[in-house]
Amino acid sequence: EGRYDYAAIGTVTNVSARLSAQAKAGQILATQRVVTGAAEVAVTRSLGPTELRGITRPVEVFDVLGLDAARVTP
């Protein structure tokens, strides 16, 4: 009693789950939107359009390689 359960649903959640499942150990996969937001500090490599289960169109997927130390201010 008094306890509520919540769940995240929708396309963003589905894409995140699919990318997480597809990533290898220690790998971070991201979408174009995430890469655009992190462009000032993240070094990425495009893996190209990728079909993801439950998503109607291919999603441009990027491998996040790390931070660019030259662009990160202390």
N, C-alpha and C. Protein backbone atom coordinates (compact mmCIF):
# COMPACT_ATOMS: atom_id res chain seq x y z
N GLU A 1 0.84 -1.19 0.00
CA GLU A 1 0.00 0.00 0.00
C GLU A 1 0.89 1.25 0.00
N GLY A 2 0.52 2.23 -0.82
CA GLY A 2 1.28 3.47 -0.91
C GLY A 2 2.50 3.38 -1.80
N ARG A 3 2.72 2.22 -2.39
CA ARG A 3 3.88 2.05 -3.26
C ARG A 3 3.42 2.04 -4.72
N TYR A 4 4.15 2.76 -5.56
CA TYR A 4 3.82 2.83 -6.97
C TYR A 4 4.98 2.27 -7.79
N ASP A 5 4.66 1.62 -8.88
CA ASP A 5 5.67 1.13 -9.80
C ASP A 5 5.61 1.95 -11.08
N TYR A 6 6.75 2.35 -11.57
CA TYR A 6 6.82 3.15 -12.80
C TYR A 6 7.71 2.44 -13.80
N ALA A 7 7.48 2.70 -15.05
CA ALA A 7 8.31 2.13 -16.11
C ALA A 7 8.50 3.17 -17.20
N ALA A 8 9.68 3.16 -17.78
CA ALA A 8 9.96 4.03 -18.92
C ALA A 8 9.55 3.28 -20.18
N ILE A 9 8.85 3.97 -21.07
CA ILE A 9 8.40 3.35 -22.32
C ILE A 9 8.65 4.31 -23.47
N GLY A 10 8.60 3.81 -24.68
CA GLY A 10 8.71 4.65 -25.86
C GLY A 10 9.94 4.34 -26.69
N THR A 11 10.06 5.07 -27.78
CA THR A 11 11.13 4.84 -28.74
C THR A 11 12.52 5.04 -28.12
N VAL A 12 12.69 6.11 -27.36
CA VAL A 12 14.01 6.38 -26.76
C VAL A 12 14.44 5.23 -25.87
N THR A 13 13.51 4.72 -25.08
CA THR A 13 13.81 3.59 -24.20
C THR A 13 14.15 2.35 -25.01
N ASN A 14 13.39 2.10 -26.07
CA ASN A 14 13.65 0.92 -26.92
C ASN A 14 15.01 1.02 -27.60
N VAL A 15 15.33 2.18 -28.17
CA VAL A 15 16.63 2.35 -28.83
C VAL A 15 17.75 2.16 -27.82
N SER A 16 17.62 2.73 -26.63
CA SER A 16 18.65 2.58 -25.59
C SER A 16 18.86 1.12 -25.22
N ALA A 17 17.76 0.40 -25.05
CA ALA A 17 17.85 -1.02 -24.69
C ALA A 17 18.52 -1.82 -25.80
N ARG A 18 18.18 -1.54 -27.04
CA ARG A 18 18.76 -2.28 -28.17
C ARG A 18 20.26 -1.98 -28.29
N LEU A 19 20.64 -0.72 -28.14
CA LEU A 19 22.07 -0.37 -28.23
C LEU A 19 22.85 -1.00 -27.08
N SER A 20 22.27 -0.98 -25.91
CA SER A 20 22.93 -1.58 -24.75
C SER A 20 23.13 -3.08 -24.97
N ALA A 21 22.14 -3.74 -25.51
CA ALA A 21 22.24 -5.18 -25.76
C ALA A 21 23.24 -5.50 -26.86
N GLN A 22 23.40 -4.59 -27.81
CA GLN A 22 24.29 -4.81 -28.95
C GLN A 22 25.75 -4.49 -28.61
N ALA A 23 25.98 -3.66 -27.60
CA ALA A 23 27.34 -3.24 -27.25
C ALA A 23 28.15 -4.40 -26.66
N LYS A 24 29.42 -4.41 -27.02
CA LYS A 24 30.34 -5.39 -26.45
C LYS A 24 30.76 -4.92 -25.07
N ALA A 25 31.44 -5.77 -24.32
CA ALA A 25 31.91 -5.41 -22.98
C ALA A 25 32.78 -4.16 -23.04
N GLY A 26 32.45 -3.15 -22.26
CA GLY A 26 33.22 -1.91 -22.21
C GLY A 26 32.94 -0.94 -23.33
N GLN A 27 32.04 -1.29 -24.24
CA GLN A 27 31.73 -0.43 -25.39
C GLN A 27 30.51 0.43 -25.08
N ILE A 28 30.56 1.67 -25.57
CA ILE A 28 29.43 2.58 -25.44
C ILE A 28 28.94 2.92 -26.84
N LEU A 29 27.68 2.60 -27.11
CA LEU A 29 27.06 2.93 -28.39
C LEU A 29 26.09 4.08 -28.17
N ALA A 30 26.02 4.99 -29.13
CA ALA A 30 25.17 6.17 -28.98
C ALA A 30 24.53 6.52 -30.32
N THR A 31 23.46 7.30 -30.24
CA THR A 31 22.77 7.78 -31.43
C THR A 31 23.35 9.14 -31.85
N GLN A 32 22.94 9.59 -33.02
CA GLN A 32 23.39 10.89 -33.54
C GLN A 32 23.05 12.01 -32.57
N ARG A 33 21.89 11.94 -31.96
CA ARG A 33 21.46 13.01 -31.04
C ARG A 33 22.40 13.11 -29.83
N VAL A 34 22.79 11.98 -29.28
CA VAL A 34 23.71 11.96 -28.14
C VAL A 34 25.08 12.47 -28.57
N VAL A 35 25.56 12.00 -29.72
CA VAL A 35 26.86 12.42 -30.23
C VAL A 35 26.90 13.93 -30.48
N THR A 36 25.83 14.46 -31.03
CA THR A 36 25.76 15.91 -31.27
C THR A 36 25.86 16.67 -29.96
N GLY A 37 25.19 16.20 -28.93
CA GLY A 37 25.23 16.86 -27.63
C GLY A 37 26.59 16.77 -26.95
N ALA A 38 27.33 15.73 -27.25
CA ALA A 38 28.63 15.51 -26.61
C ALA A 38 29.80 15.83 -27.53
N ALA A 39 29.53 16.48 -28.66
CA ALA A 39 30.55 16.72 -29.69
C ALA A 39 31.76 17.49 -29.20
N GLU A 40 31.57 18.33 -28.19
CA GLU A 40 32.69 19.15 -27.72
C GLU A 40 33.71 18.36 -26.92
N VAL A 41 33.34 17.19 -26.43
CA VAL A 41 34.27 16.43 -25.60
C VAL A 41 34.46 14.98 -26.01
N ALA A 42 33.52 14.42 -26.74
CA ALA A 42 33.57 12.99 -27.06
C ALA A 42 34.22 12.73 -28.41
N VAL A 43 34.97 11.66 -28.47
CA VAL A 43 35.55 11.18 -29.72
C VAL A 43 34.72 9.95 -30.11
N THR A 44 34.15 10.00 -31.31
CA THR A 44 33.27 8.91 -31.75
C THR A 44 33.65 8.43 -33.14
N ARG A 45 33.11 7.27 -33.48
CA ARG A 45 33.31 6.70 -34.81
C ARG A 45 31.96 6.17 -35.27
N SER A 46 31.55 6.54 -36.47
CA SER A 46 30.28 6.07 -36.99
C SER A 46 30.36 4.60 -37.34
N LEU A 47 29.33 3.88 -36.96
CA LEU A 47 29.20 2.47 -37.33
C LEU A 47 28.16 2.31 -38.43
N GLY A 48 27.61 3.44 -38.87
CA GLY A 48 26.65 3.43 -39.95
C GLY A 48 25.24 3.15 -39.48
N PRO A 49 24.31 3.18 -40.43
CA PRO A 49 22.92 2.87 -40.11
C PRO A 49 22.79 1.41 -39.67
N THR A 50 22.05 1.20 -38.61
CA THR A 50 21.90 -0.13 -38.04
C THR A 50 20.43 -0.45 -37.81
N GLU A 51 20.02 -1.65 -38.20
CA GLU A 51 18.66 -2.11 -37.95
C GLU A 51 18.56 -2.54 -36.49
N LEU A 52 17.58 -2.03 -35.78
CA LEU A 52 17.35 -2.41 -34.40
C LEU A 52 15.95 -3.00 -34.27
N ARG A 53 15.84 -4.10 -33.58
CA ARG A 53 14.56 -4.78 -33.40
C ARG A 53 13.55 -3.83 -32.75
N GLY A 54 12.37 -3.75 -33.35
CA GLY A 54 11.30 -2.93 -32.80
C GLY A 54 11.34 -1.48 -33.26
N ILE A 55 12.36 -1.11 -34.05
CA ILE A 55 12.50 0.25 -34.56
C ILE A 55 12.28 0.18 -36.07
N THR A 56 11.39 1.03 -36.59
CA THR A 56 10.98 0.89 -37.99
C THR A 56 12.06 1.29 -38.99
N ARG A 57 12.90 2.26 -38.66
CA ARG A 57 13.94 2.71 -39.60
C ARG A 57 15.32 2.45 -39.02
N PRO A 58 16.32 2.29 -39.88
CA PRO A 58 17.70 2.13 -39.39
C PRO A 58 18.12 3.37 -38.57
N VAL A 59 18.92 3.12 -37.56
CA VAL A 59 19.40 4.18 -36.68
C VAL A 59 20.90 4.35 -36.90
N GLU A 60 21.35 5.59 -37.08
CA GLU A 60 22.78 5.87 -37.21
C GLU A 60 23.41 5.64 -35.84
N VAL A 61 24.34 4.71 -35.76
CA VAL A 61 24.95 4.33 -34.49
C VAL A 61 26.42 4.74 -34.47
N PHE A 62 26.87 5.23 -33.32
CA PHE A 62 28.24 5.66 -33.14
C PHE A 62 28.87 4.92 -31.97
N ASP A 63 30.14 4.60 -32.12
CA ASP A 63 30.94 4.00 -31.06
C ASP A 63 31.64 5.16 -30.35
N VAL A 64 31.43 5.28 -29.05
CA VAL A 64 32.09 6.34 -28.28
C VAL A 64 33.46 5.80 -27.88
N LEU A 65 34.51 6.42 -28.43
CA LEU A 65 35.87 5.94 -28.22
C LEU A 65 36.50 6.49 -26.95
N GLY A 66 36.02 7.64 -26.50
CA GLY A 66 36.56 8.24 -25.29
C GLY A 66 36.40 9.74 -25.31
N LEU A 67 37.10 10.38 -24.38
CA LEU A 67 37.09 11.84 -24.31
C LEU A 67 38.32 12.40 -24.98
N ASP A 68 38.15 13.53 -25.62
CA ASP A 68 39.27 14.22 -26.24
C ASP A 68 39.86 15.16 -25.19
N ALA A 69 41.00 14.77 -24.61
CA ALA A 69 41.61 15.54 -23.54
C ALA A 69 41.90 16.98 -23.94
N ALA A 70 42.15 17.22 -25.20
CA ALA A 70 42.44 18.57 -25.68
C ALA A 70 41.20 19.46 -25.61
N ARG A 71 40.01 18.85 -25.63
CA ARG A 71 38.78 19.63 -25.62
C ARG A 71 38.11 19.69 -24.24
N VAL A 72 38.64 18.94 -23.28
CA VAL A 72 38.07 18.92 -21.94
C VAL A 72 38.83 19.91 -21.07
N THR A 73 38.11 20.87 -20.52
CA THR A 73 38.75 21.85 -19.66
C THR A 73 38.77 21.34 -18.22
N PRO A 74 39.90 21.51 -17.53
CA PRO A 74 40.02 21.00 -16.14
C PRO A 74 39.15 21.76 -15.18
